[in-house]
Amino acid sequence: MNIRYLPILMIMLSPFVAIQNSSAYHNLNNIFESTFVFRSLPGMPVNFEVDGGTLGGGNGLTIVQDACDEWDGLPNVPNFCGNLNQLETDITSSNFDSIVPQNDGVNTIVFDENGSILADLGVPGVLGLGLTTFNTASGLITDITILINGSIPSSASADLLATVIHEMGHTWGFAHVPIGGINTTNSVDGFDRISPSAIPTMYPFAIPQDDRFGRTLENDDLGAALLNYGP
């Protein structure tokens, strides 16, 4: 089963204890000095610098824009995405550290065309990764880097657009959601069956029946967005 990846969280100010809230949808959060803190963006929309390389055999900017359009279509929350500025440079493992310094306040989307950057980071084979710096006292996210594994061809078992949408969700402050696991095929105690098409985008794995179902946001994804950013 193809794994999307929970973000690596680069911590500022102090250590934290990670917990999950009790709602179905899960937002990234921590405890700071006995206070429960949600991780969230300080403001929206978010501007991105986009890799000048390719993704899925073409210009990955199109996929990124489609992912932004999906998040921006949620009702009763502000638009997440702002300007998408595509770089002239193809970001690779050899220039990654110089072009994408962490915590520089510049949000970057990287197309890891051969998977070497993710391998260098110790997570080879995952579909994508979100790197997020945040302030532990306030929970405010200060820097975003999204890496998409372009070495895995987009298919019904590992969809590139679904992966970009999923990793964006992590960088908005949303955690993985277990809804859609064993109860997709059989009813079990305490759970009702769920259609694969209704599995939340923040499900931690590629959707086994058809990963293209992950291209659309579901009620659970909307619930997480409303919790952090709703009226």
Protein backbone atom coordinates (compact mmCIF):
# COMPACT_ATOMS: atom_id res chain seq x y z
CA MET A 1 0.00 0.00 0.00
CA ASN A 2 1.36 3.42 -0.95
CA ILE A 3 1.95 5.73 2.00
CA ARG A 4 1.40 9.44 2.05
CA TYR A 5 3.48 10.87 4.81
CA LEU A 6 2.72 12.73 8.06
CA PRO A 7 4.72 15.95 7.99
CA ILE A 8 8.06 16.38 9.70
CA LEU A 9 7.52 19.29 12.07
CA MET A 10 10.54 21.50 12.67
CA ILE A 11 10.05 22.86 16.16
CA MET A 12 10.76 26.38 17.40
CA LEU A 13 10.97 27.67 20.98
CA SER A 14 10.44 24.49 23.00
CA PRO A 15 9.63 20.78 22.89
CA PHE A 16 6.02 19.69 22.74
CA VAL A 17 3.75 16.74 23.37
CA ALA A 18 1.73 15.79 20.29
CA ILE A 19 -1.87 14.72 20.86
CA GLN A 20 -4.98 14.22 18.76
CA ASN A 21 -8.29 15.93 19.38
CA SER A 22 -11.27 13.65 19.87
CA SER A 23 -13.26 14.70 16.79
CA ALA A 24 -13.35 12.52 13.70
CA TYR A 25 -11.23 15.02 11.83
CA HIS A 26 -7.78 15.54 13.30
CA ASN A 27 -5.86 18.80 13.42
CA LEU A 28 -2.19 19.01 14.29
CA ASN A 29 -1.78 20.33 17.80
CA ASN A 30 0.47 20.43 20.83
CA ILE A 31 0.54 21.36 24.50
CA PHE A 32 2.48 24.50 25.45
CA GLU A 33 2.72 25.30 29.16
CA SER A 34 -0.45 23.29 29.87
CA THR A 35 -2.33 25.08 27.08
CA PHE A 36 -3.84 23.21 24.13
CA VAL A 37 -2.61 24.82 20.88
CA PHE A 38 -3.84 24.11 17.34
CA ARG A 39 -1.32 24.54 14.54
CA SER A 40 -2.63 26.92 11.90
CA LEU A 41 -1.62 29.51 9.35
CA PRO A 42 -1.26 33.10 10.60
CA GLY A 43 -3.12 34.33 7.55
CA MET A 44 -4.36 33.33 4.14
CA PRO A 45 -3.89 33.07 1.23
CA VAL A 46 -0.44 31.43 1.17
CA ASN A 47 1.98 32.23 -1.66
CA PHE A 48 4.25 29.48 -3.02
CA GLU A 49 7.47 29.22 -4.98
CA VAL A 50 7.00 26.21 -7.28
CA ASP A 51 9.79 23.97 -8.62
CA GLY A 52 10.86 24.75 -12.17
CA GLY A 53 11.19 21.03 -12.95
CA THR A 54 8.58 18.61 -14.19
CA LEU A 55 6.04 16.39 -12.46
CA GLY A 56 4.21 13.50 -14.04
CA GLY A 57 5.97 14.15 -17.34
CA GLY A 58 4.77 17.74 -17.62
CA ASN A 59 4.66 21.10 -15.93
CA GLY A 60 3.75 20.37 -12.33
CA LEU A 61 2.40 23.88 -11.89
CA THR A 62 -0.86 22.68 -13.47
CA ILE A 63 -1.24 19.97 -10.81
CA VAL A 64 -0.43 22.44 -8.02
CA GLN A 65 -3.01 24.90 -9.33
CA ASP A 66 -5.64 22.15 -9.49
CA ALA A 67 -4.83 21.22 -5.87
CA CYS A 68 -5.16 24.86 -4.82
CA ASP A 69 -8.50 25.13 -6.61
CA GLU A 70 -9.83 22.14 -4.67
CA TRP A 71 -8.90 23.63 -1.28
CA ASP A 72 -10.07 27.09 -2.30
CA GLY A 73 -13.46 25.65 -3.19
CA LEU A 74 -14.32 24.81 0.43
CA PRO A 75 -17.28 26.84 1.71
CA ASN A 76 -17.08 29.22 4.69
CA VAL A 77 -13.27 29.29 4.92
CA PRO A 78 -10.88 31.76 3.25
CA ASN A 79 -8.89 30.78 0.16
CA PHE A 80 -5.76 28.89 1.13
CA CYS A 81 -3.65 29.52 -1.98
CA GLY A 82 -2.33 32.84 -3.22
CA ASN A 83 0.29 33.44 -5.90
CA LEU A 84 2.09 30.47 -7.46
CA ASN A 85 5.45 31.65 -8.78
CA GLN A 86 7.27 29.00 -10.79
CA LEU A 87 11.04 29.11 -10.50
CA GLU A 88 13.34 28.80 -13.50
CA THR A 89 15.49 26.31 -11.59
CA ASP A 90 14.85 22.57 -11.34
CA ILE A 91 15.24 21.72 -7.64
CA THR A 92 17.28 18.53 -7.16
CA SER A 93 19.09 16.76 -4.33
CA SER A 94 22.28 18.67 -5.20
CA ASN A 95 20.78 22.15 -4.85
CA PHE A 96 17.88 21.49 -2.47
CA ASP A 97 19.58 22.84 0.66
CA SER A 98 20.68 26.05 -1.03
CA ILE A 99 17.39 26.79 -2.79
CA VAL A 100 15.06 25.63 -0.04
CA PRO A 101 16.61 26.67 3.30
CA GLN A 102 14.26 25.79 6.12
CA ASN A 103 12.52 28.51 8.11
CA ASP A 104 13.31 31.25 5.61
CA GLY A 105 9.67 32.30 5.46
CA VAL A 106 9.39 31.25 1.80
CA ASN A 107 6.86 28.50 1.09
CA THR A 108 8.11 26.07 -1.56
CA ILE A 109 6.66 23.14 -3.51
CA VAL A 110 9.35 20.72 -4.77
CA PHE A 111 9.00 18.10 -7.50
CA ASP A 112 11.38 15.30 -6.48
CA GLU A 113 11.59 13.83 -9.97
CA ASN A 114 13.75 10.81 -9.10
CA GLY A 115 12.95 10.47 -5.39
CA SER A 116 16.50 11.33 -4.32
CA ILE A 117 15.57 14.26 -2.06
CA LEU A 118 13.10 12.15 -0.11
CA ALA A 119 15.73 9.40 0.11
CA ASP A 120 18.21 11.90 1.54
CA LEU A 121 15.61 12.88 4.13
CA GLY A 122 15.26 9.24 5.16
CA VAL A 123 11.77 8.58 3.74
CA PRO A 124 12.35 6.89 0.36
CA GLY A 125 9.29 5.59 -1.43
CA VAL A 126 6.66 7.82 0.18
CA LEU A 127 4.33 9.67 -2.18
CA GLY A 128 4.86 13.07 -0.60
CA LEU A 129 6.09 14.95 2.45
CA GLY A 130 5.18 18.21 4.15
CA LEU A 131 7.86 20.08 6.13
CA THR A 132 6.40 22.68 8.46
CA THR A 133 8.00 25.09 10.90
CA PHE A 134 5.73 26.45 13.60
CA ASN A 135 5.86 28.45 16.81
CA THR A 136 5.05 26.08 19.68
CA ALA A 137 3.65 28.82 21.89
CA SER A 138 1.15 30.17 19.38
CA GLY A 139 0.84 27.22 16.99
CA LEU A 140 1.34 29.59 14.06
CA ILE A 141 2.95 27.99 11.00
CA THR A 142 5.88 30.09 9.79
CA ASP A 143 7.37 28.10 6.90
CA ILE A 144 6.17 25.41 4.48
CA THR A 145 7.97 23.00 2.17
CA ILE A 146 6.02 20.37 0.22
CA LEU A 147 7.87 17.57 -1.61
CA ILE A 148 6.10 15.39 -4.17
CA ASN A 149 7.67 12.13 -5.31
CA GLY A 150 7.77 12.32 -9.10
CA SER A 151 9.52 8.97 -9.44
CA ILE A 152 6.21 7.16 -8.90
CA PRO A 153 4.02 7.46 -12.02
CA SER A 154 0.57 8.89 -11.40
CA SER A 155 -2.00 6.10 -11.46
CA ALA A 156 -5.15 4.82 -9.81
CA SER A 157 -2.95 3.34 -7.08
CA ALA A 158 -0.85 6.48 -6.46
CA ASP A 159 -2.36 9.68 -7.81
CA LEU A 160 -0.14 12.78 -8.01
CA LEU A 161 -2.96 15.31 -7.70
CA ALA A 162 -4.41 13.52 -4.67
CA THR A 163 -0.95 13.54 -3.09
CA VAL A 164 -0.47 17.29 -3.60
CA ILE A 165 -3.92 18.00 -2.12
CA HIS A 166 -3.12 15.72 0.85
CA GLU A 167 0.28 17.29 1.58
CA MET A 168 -1.21 20.79 1.33
CA GLY A 169 -3.67 19.71 4.00
CA HIS A 170 -0.81 18.89 6.38
CA THR A 171 0.72 22.31 5.83
CA TRP A 172 -2.62 23.99 6.59
CA GLY A 173 -2.42 22.21 9.97
CA PHE A 174 -4.44 19.03 9.37
CA ALA A 175 -3.32 15.60 10.59
CA HIS A 176 -4.07 12.12 9.25
CA VAL A 177 -7.59 10.76 9.59
CA PRO A 178 -8.20 7.01 10.04
CA ILE A 179 -11.74 7.06 8.58
CA GLY A 180 -11.86 4.75 5.58
CA GLY A 181 -9.76 1.86 6.82
CA ILE A 182 -11.16 -1.61 7.53
CA ASN A 183 -14.73 -0.33 7.51
CA THR A 184 -14.67 0.36 3.77
CA THR A 185 -15.65 -3.21 2.94
CA ASN A 186 -17.30 -4.66 6.06
CA SER A 187 -19.31 -3.26 8.91
CA VAL A 188 -17.53 -3.73 12.26
CA ASP A 189 -18.55 -2.95 15.82
CA GLY A 190 -19.07 0.77 16.22
CA PHE A 191 -18.50 1.60 12.57
CA ASP A 192 -20.70 1.84 9.50
CA ARG A 193 -19.50 1.11 6.00
CA ILE A 194 -18.13 4.06 4.08
CA SER A 195 -17.95 4.41 0.33
CA PRO A 196 -14.36 4.63 -0.97
CA SER A 197 -15.36 7.82 -2.77
CA ALA A 198 -16.14 9.39 0.63
CA ILE A 199 -12.77 8.60 2.25
CA PRO A 200 -11.21 11.89 3.42
CA THR A 201 -8.25 13.27 1.50
CA MET A 202 -6.33 13.28 4.80
CA TYR A 203 -6.51 9.47 4.98
CA PRO A 204 -2.86 8.37 5.53
CA PHE A 205 -2.62 5.94 2.62
CA ALA A 206 -3.37 5.97 -1.06
CA ILE A 207 -7.02 4.93 -1.38
CA PRO A 208 -6.74 1.26 -2.43
CA GLN A 209 -9.95 1.07 -4.48
CA ASP A 210 -8.93 4.09 -6.59
CA ASP A 211 -6.56 6.78 -5.35
CA ARG A 212 -8.18 9.33 -7.65
CA PHE A 213 -10.97 9.51 -5.06
CA GLY A 214 -8.44 11.54 -3.06
CA ARG A 215 -8.71 14.38 -5.56
CA THR A 216 -11.89 15.64 -3.91
CA LEU A 217 -12.28 16.95 -0.38
CA GLU A 218 -14.90 15.30 1.80
CA ASN A 219 -16.99 16.37 4.80
CA ASP A 220 -14.25 15.33 7.20
CA ASP A 221 -11.70 17.51 5.40
CA LEU A 222 -14.16 20.42 5.52
CA GLY A 223 -14.68 19.83 9.25
CA ALA A 224 -10.95 20.17 9.91
CA ALA A 225 -10.80 23.36 7.85
CA LEU A 226 -13.80 24.86 9.66
CA LEU A 227 -12.30 23.99 13.04
CA ASN A 228 -9.13 25.97 12.28
CA TYR A 229 -10.35 28.66 9.90
CA GLY A 230 -14.13 28.80 9.87
CA PRO A 231 -16.36 31.70 10.91
